[in-house]
Structure formats: structure tokens, C-alpha cells
């Protein structure tokens, strides 16, 4: 069964997950349902809407 985690933080390039700044990395989860992880990711994005370099990613583990 797939598990999902949400990884959030600031990035040098907000379109590249590999540019995540390690000191800002926060991992949430694991979640069994992808939709639960998606909901949290959307909430985190909304919460940080004014920070262009912040992203939240859903990752299957």
C-alpha cells in the first residue's frame, strides 16, 4: 500500500523540488490516502501564499 508524505519549505527555484533549502524542510505524514496529503499541501500553500519561494509537494513513498 502506497504512503504519501507532504514536504514543504523554501526553494531557490520554486519549480524544482531539488532546490529545497534543507534548513526550511518540514515533512508531514505519512498519509495513507493521497487526497489527505493533497488537502494538507493545498492548506500549506494557501497559508504561505505571499512567499513566492515556498512550496509544498506530495510525494509517494
PDB file of N, CA and C in Angstrom:
ATOM      1  N   UNK A   1       0.841  -1.175   0.000  1.00  0.00           N
ATOM      2  CA  UNK A   1       0.000   0.000   0.000  1.00  0.00           C
ATOM      3  C   UNK A   1       0.890   1.244   0.000  1.00  0.00           C
ATOM      4  N   UNK A   2       0.606   2.157  -0.898  1.00  0.00           N
ATOM      5  CA  UNK A   2       1.401   3.373  -1.021  1.00  0.00           C
ATOM      6  C   UNK A   2       1.123   4.316   0.138  1.00  0.00           C
ATOM      7  N   UNK A   3       2.153   4.978   0.571  1.00  0.00           N
ATOM      8  CA  UNK A   3       2.025   6.016   1.583  1.00  0.00           C
ATOM      9  C   UNK A   3       2.486   7.322   0.952  1.00  0.00           C
ATOM     10  N   UNK A   4       1.954   8.403   1.460  1.00  0.00           N
ATOM     11  CA  UNK A   4       2.264   9.715   0.918  1.00  0.00           C
ATOM     12  C   UNK A   4       2.747  10.627   2.034  1.00  0.00           C
ATOM     13  N   UNK A   5       3.708  11.476   1.720  1.00  0.00           N
ATOM     14  CA  UNK A   5       4.169  12.497   2.648  1.00  0.00           C
ATOM     15  C   UNK A   5       4.083  13.847   1.952  1.00  0.00           C
ATOM     16  N   UNK A   6       3.977  14.892   2.747  1.00  0.00           N
ATOM     17  CA  UNK A   6       3.998  16.254   2.227  1.00  0.00           C
ATOM     18  C   UNK A   6       5.303  16.884   2.699  1.00  0.00           C
ATOM     19  N   UNK A   7       6.065  17.396   1.742  1.00  0.00           N
ATOM     20  CA  UNK A   7       7.322  18.070   2.044  1.00  0.00           C
ATOM     21  C   UNK A   7       7.136  19.539   1.701  1.00  0.00           C
ATOM     22  N   UNK A   8       7.424  20.406   2.657  1.00  0.00           N
ATOM     23  CA  UNK A   8       7.282  21.840   2.414  1.00  0.00           C
ATOM     24  C   UNK A   8       8.556  22.558   2.782  1.00  0.00           C
ATOM     25  N   UNK A   9       8.713  23.748   2.220  1.00  0.00           N
ATOM     26  CA  UNK A   9       9.849  24.591   2.558  1.00  0.00           C
ATOM     27  C   UNK A   9      10.103  25.612   1.470  1.00  0.00           C
ATOM     28  N   UNK A  10      11.158  26.389   1.669  1.00  0.00           N
ATOM     29  CA  UNK A  10      11.544  27.403   0.694  1.00  0.00           C
ATOM     30  C   UNK A  10      12.534  26.810  -0.298  1.00  0.00           C
ATOM     31  N   UNK A  11      12.466  27.314  -1.524  1.00  0.00           N
ATOM     32  CA  UNK A  11      13.293  26.807  -2.612  1.00  0.00           C
ATOM     33  C   UNK A  11      14.057  27.948  -3.279  1.00  0.00           C
ATOM     34  N   UNK A  12      15.215  27.633  -3.829  1.00  0.00           N
ATOM     35  CA  UNK A  12      15.914  28.608  -4.662  1.00  0.00           C
ATOM     36  C   UNK A  12      15.162  28.784  -5.974  1.00  0.00           C
ATOM     37  N   UNK A  13      14.682  27.674  -6.530  1.00  0.00           N
ATOM     38  CA  UNK A  13      13.839  27.676  -7.729  1.00  0.00           C
ATOM     39  C   UNK A  13      12.529  27.003  -7.335  1.00  0.00           C
ATOM     40  N   UNK A  14      11.439  27.764  -7.198  1.00  0.00           N
ATOM     41  CA  UNK A  14      10.194  27.187  -6.684  1.00  0.00           C
ATOM     42  C   UNK A  14       9.556  26.125  -7.578  1.00  0.00           C
ATOM     43  N   UNK A  15      10.074  25.947  -8.785  1.00  0.00           N
ATOM     44  CA  UNK A  15       9.537  24.921  -9.675  1.00  0.00           C
ATOM     45  C   UNK A  15      10.382  23.653  -9.678  1.00  0.00           C
ATOM     46  N   UNK A  16      11.393  23.605  -8.816  1.00  0.00           N
ATOM     47  CA  UNK A  16      12.306  22.462  -8.765  1.00  0.00           C
ATOM     48  C   UNK A  16      12.410  21.954  -7.325  1.00  0.00           C
ATOM     49  N   UNK A  17      11.867  20.783  -7.090  1.00  0.00           N
ATOM     50  CA  UNK A  17      11.871  20.226  -5.724  1.00  0.00           C
ATOM     51  C   UNK A  17      13.291  20.008  -5.208  1.00  0.00           C
ATOM     52  N   UNK A  18      14.240  19.788  -6.101  1.00  0.00           N
ATOM     53  CA  UNK A  18      15.619  19.538  -5.687  1.00  0.00           C
ATOM     54  C   UNK A  18      16.300  20.785  -5.130  1.00  0.00           C
ATOM     55  N   UNK A  19      15.702  21.966  -5.357  1.00  0.00           N
ATOM     56  CA  UNK A  19      16.316  23.204  -4.868  1.00  0.00           C
ATOM     57  C   UNK A  19      15.804  23.594  -3.477  1.00  0.00           C
ATOM     58  N   UNK A  20      15.124  22.666  -2.805  1.00  0.00           N
ATOM     59  CA  UNK A  20      14.623  22.901  -1.450  1.00  0.00           C
ATOM     60  C   UNK A  20      15.781  23.223  -0.508  1.00  0.00           C
ATOM     61  N   UNK A  21      15.628  24.289   0.259  1.00  0.00           N
ATOM     62  CA  UNK A  21      16.650  24.659   1.237  1.00  0.00           C
ATOM     63  C   UNK A  21      16.502  23.756   2.466  1.00  0.00           C
ATOM     64  N   UNK A  22      17.525  22.963   2.784  1.00  0.00           N
ATOM     65  CA  UNK A  22      17.416  21.965   3.862  1.00  0.00           C
ATOM     66  C   UNK A  22      16.996  22.548   5.211  1.00  0.00           C
ATOM     67  N   UNK A  23      17.421  23.765   5.508  1.00  0.00           N
ATOM     68  CA  UNK A  23      17.089  24.348   6.814  1.00  0.00           C
ATOM     69  C   UNK A  23      15.618  24.739   6.934  1.00  0.00           C
ATOM     70  N   UNK A  24      14.880  24.734   5.808  1.00  0.00           N
ATOM     71  CA  UNK A  24      13.450  25.073   5.840  1.00  0.00           C
ATOM     72  C   UNK A  24      12.559  23.854   5.621  1.00  0.00           C
ATOM     73  N   UNK A  25      13.155  22.692   5.421  1.00  0.00           N
ATOM     74  CA  UNK A  25      12.404  21.476   5.092  1.00  0.00           C
ATOM     75  C   UNK A  25      11.588  20.964   6.277  1.00  0.00           C
ATOM     76  N   UNK A  26      10.295  20.733   6.023  1.00  0.00           N
ATOM     77  CA  UNK A  26       9.399  20.151   7.022  1.00  0.00           C
ATOM     78  C   UNK A  26       8.637  19.016   6.341  1.00  0.00           C
ATOM     79  N   UNK A  27       8.606  17.843   6.970  1.00  0.00           N
ATOM     80  CA  UNK A  27       7.908  16.683   6.416  1.00  0.00           C
ATOM     81  C   UNK A  27       6.673  16.407   7.263  1.00  0.00           C
ATOM     82  N   UNK A  28       5.530  16.254   6.603  1.00  0.00           N
ATOM     83  CA  UNK A  28       4.265  15.936   7.267  1.00  0.00           C
ATOM     84  C   UNK A  28       3.806  14.563   6.783  1.00  0.00           C
ATOM     85  N   UNK A  29       3.316  13.753   7.688  1.00  0.00           N
ATOM     86  CA  UNK A  29       2.797  12.452   7.279  1.00  0.00           C
ATOM     87  C   UNK A  29       3.495  11.347   8.035  1.00  0.00           C
ATOM     88  N   UNK A  30       3.290  10.135   7.591  1.00  0.00           N
ATOM     89  CA  UNK A  30       2.726   9.680   6.310  1.00  0.00           C
ATOM     90  C   UNK A  30       1.198   9.658   6.301  1.00  0.00           C
ATOM     91  N   UNK A  31       0.663   9.729   5.100  1.00  0.00           N
ATOM     92  CA  UNK A  31      -0.770   9.632   4.861  1.00  0.00           C
ATOM     93  C   UNK A  31      -1.035   8.378   4.038  1.00  0.00           C
ATOM     94  N   UNK A  32      -2.116   7.694   4.324  1.00  0.00           N
ATOM     95  CA  UNK A  32      -2.484   6.514   3.541  1.00  0.00           C
ATOM     96  C   UNK A  32      -3.189   6.941   2.262  1.00  0.00           C
ATOM     97  N   UNK A  33      -4.047   7.953   2.365  1.00  0.00           N
ATOM     98  CA  UNK A  33      -4.791   8.430   1.198  1.00  0.00           C
ATOM     99  C   UNK A  33      -4.090   9.633   0.576  1.00  0.00           C
ATOM    100  N   UNK A  34      -3.923   9.583  -0.740  1.00  0.00           N
ATOM    101  CA  UNK A  34      -3.292  10.692  -1.446  1.00  0.00           C
ATOM    102  C   UNK A  34      -4.111  11.973  -1.302  1.00  0.00           C
ATOM    103  N   UNK A  35      -5.433  11.836  -1.269  1.00  0.00           N
ATOM    104  CA  UNK A  35      -6.268  13.036  -1.162  1.00  0.00           C
ATOM    105  C   UNK A  35      -6.067  13.750   0.175  1.00  0.00           C
ATOM    106  N   UNK A  36      -5.763  13.024   1.245  1.00  0.00           N
ATOM    107  CA  UNK A  36      -5.471  13.669   2.531  1.00  0.00           C
ATOM    108  C   UNK A  36      -4.173  14.476   2.447  1.00  0.00           C
ATOM    109  N   UNK A  37      -3.178  13.905   1.787  1.00  0.00           N
ATOM    110  CA  UNK A  37      -1.914  14.617   1.595  1.00  0.00           C
ATOM    111  C   UNK A  37      -2.124  15.843   0.711  1.00  0.00           C
ATOM    112  N   UNK A  38      -2.932  15.709  -0.337  1.00  0.00           N
ATOM    113  CA  UNK A  38      -3.237  16.838  -1.220  1.00  0.00           C
ATOM    114  C   UNK A  38      -3.909  17.977  -0.462  1.00  0.00           C
ATOM    115  N   UNK A  39      -4.843  17.634   0.402  1.00  0.00           N
ATOM    116  CA  UNK A  39      -5.553  18.660   1.187  1.00  0.00           C
ATOM    117  C   UNK A  39      -4.576  19.449   2.056  1.00  0.00           C
ATOM    118  N   UNK A  40      -3.674  18.734   2.725  1.00  0.00           N
ATOM    119  CA  UNK A  40      -2.704  19.416   3.572  1.00  0.00           C
ATOM    120  C   UNK A  40      -1.774  20.290   2.731  1.00  0.00           C
ATOM    121  N   UNK A  41      -1.306  19.764   1.608  1.00  0.00           N
ATOM    122  CA  UNK A  41      -0.414  20.541   0.746  1.00  0.00           C
ATOM    123  C   UNK A  41      -1.091  21.830   0.296  1.00  0.00           C
ATOM    124  N   UNK A  42      -2.356  21.746  -0.080  1.00  0.00           N
ATOM    125  CA  UNK A  42      -3.088  22.943  -0.508  1.00  0.00           C
ATOM    126  C   UNK A  42      -3.221  23.941   0.632  1.00  0.00           C
ATOM    127  N   UNK A  43      -3.478  23.455   1.845  1.00  0.00           N
ATOM    128  CA  UNK A  43      -3.579  24.347   3.008  1.00  0.00           C
ATOM    129  C   UNK A  43      -2.252  25.056   3.267  1.00  0.00           C
ATOM    130  N   UNK A  44      -1.148  24.315   3.157  1.00  0.00           N
ATOM    131  CA  UNK A  44       0.162  24.912   3.395  1.00  0.00           C
ATOM    132  C   UNK A  44       0.498  25.950   2.331  1.00  0.00           C
ATOM    133  N   UNK A  45       0.118  25.668   1.096  1.00  0.00           N
ATOM    134  CA  UNK A  45       0.354  26.623   0.009  1.00  0.00           C
ATOM    135  C   UNK A  45      -0.461  27.886   0.245  1.00  0.00           C
ATOM    136  N   UNK A  46      -1.731  27.724   0.628  1.00  0.00           N
ATOM    137  CA  UNK A  46      -2.587  28.881   0.910  1.00  0.00           C
ATOM    138  C   UNK A  46      -2.035  29.700   2.080  1.00  0.00           C
ATOM    139  N   UNK A  47      -1.560  29.017   3.105  1.00  0.00           N
ATOM    140  CA  UNK A  47      -1.032  29.689   4.294  1.00  0.00           C
ATOM    141  C   UNK A  47       0.186  30.547   3.950  1.00  0.00           C
ATOM    142  N   UNK A  48       0.963  30.109   2.975  1.00  0.00           N
ATOM    143  CA  UNK A  48       2.201  30.795   2.600  1.00  0.00           C
ATOM    144  C   UNK A  48       2.099  31.451   1.229  1.00  0.00           C
ATOM    145  N   UNK A  49       0.909  31.883   0.858  1.00  0.00           N
ATOM    146  CA  UNK A  49       0.650  32.412  -0.483  1.00  0.00           C
ATOM    147  C   UNK A  49       1.532  33.620  -0.823  1.00  0.00           C
ATOM    148  N   UNK A  50       1.930  34.394   0.171  1.00  0.00           N
ATOM    149  CA  UNK A  50       2.736  35.590  -0.078  1.00  0.00           C
ATOM    150  C   UNK A  50       4.223  35.296  -0.252  1.00  0.00           C
ATOM    151  N   UNK A  51       4.638  34.079   0.001  1.00  0.00           N
ATOM    152  CA  UNK A  51       6.045  33.703  -0.138  1.00  0.00           C
ATOM    153  C   UNK A  51       6.219  32.935  -1.448  1.00  0.00           C
ATOM    154  N   UNK A  52       6.728  33.623  -2.479  1.00  0.00           N
ATOM    155  CA  UNK A  52       6.891  33.029  -3.808  1.00  0.00           C
ATOM    156  C   UNK A  52       7.776  31.783  -3.779  1.00  0.00           C
ATOM    157  N   UNK A  53       8.745  31.732  -2.889  1.00  0.00           N
ATOM    158  CA  UNK A  53       9.715  30.637  -2.877  1.00  0.00           C
ATOM    159  C   UNK A  53       9.285  29.439  -2.031  1.00  0.00           C
ATOM    160  N   UNK A  54       8.107  29.509  -1.411  1.00  0.00           N
ATOM    161  CA  UNK A  54       7.607  28.401  -0.597  1.00  0.00           C
ATOM    162  C   UNK A  54       6.778  27.459  -1.464  1.00  0.00           C
ATOM    163  N   UNK A  55       6.997  26.170  -1.288  1.00  0.00           N
ATOM    164  CA  UNK A  55       6.202  25.161  -1.984  1.00  0.00           C
ATOM    165  C   UNK A  55       5.928  24.010  -1.034  1.00  0.00           C
ATOM    166  N   UNK A  56       4.866  23.265  -1.350  1.00  0.00           N
ATOM    167  CA  UNK A  56       4.544  22.028  -0.638  1.00  0.00           C
ATOM    168  C   UNK A  56       4.328  20.955  -1.697  1.00  0.00           C
ATOM    169  N   UNK A  57       4.983  19.849  -1.541  1.00  0.00           N
ATOM    170  CA  UNK A  57       4.949  18.768  -2.523  1.00  0.00           C
ATOM    171  C   UNK A  57       4.383  17.507  -1.882  1.00  0.00           C
ATOM    172  N   UNK A  58       3.565  16.777  -2.634  1.00  0.00           N
ATOM    173  CA  UNK A  58       3.085  15.463  -2.206  1.00  0.00           C
ATOM    174  C   UNK A  58       3.992  14.430  -2.865  1.00  0.00           C
ATOM    175  N   UNK A  59       4.559  13.562  -2.048  1.00  0.00           N
ATOM    176  CA  UNK A  59       5.500  12.556  -2.550  1.00  0.00           C
ATOM    177  C   UNK A  59       5.019  11.174  -2.137  1.00  0.00           C
ATOM    178  N   UNK A  60       4.984  10.269  -3.097  1.00  0.00           N
ATOM    179  CA  UNK A  60       4.633   8.872  -2.815  1.00  0.00           C
ATOM    180  C   UNK A  60       5.883   8.174  -2.297  1.00  0.00           C
ATOM    181  N   UNK A  61       5.725   7.485  -1.179  1.00  0.00           N
ATOM    182  CA  UNK A  61       6.893   6.786  -0.613  1.00  0.00           C
ATOM    183  C   UNK A  61       6.649   5.296  -0.561  1.00  0.00           C
TER     184      UNK A  61
END
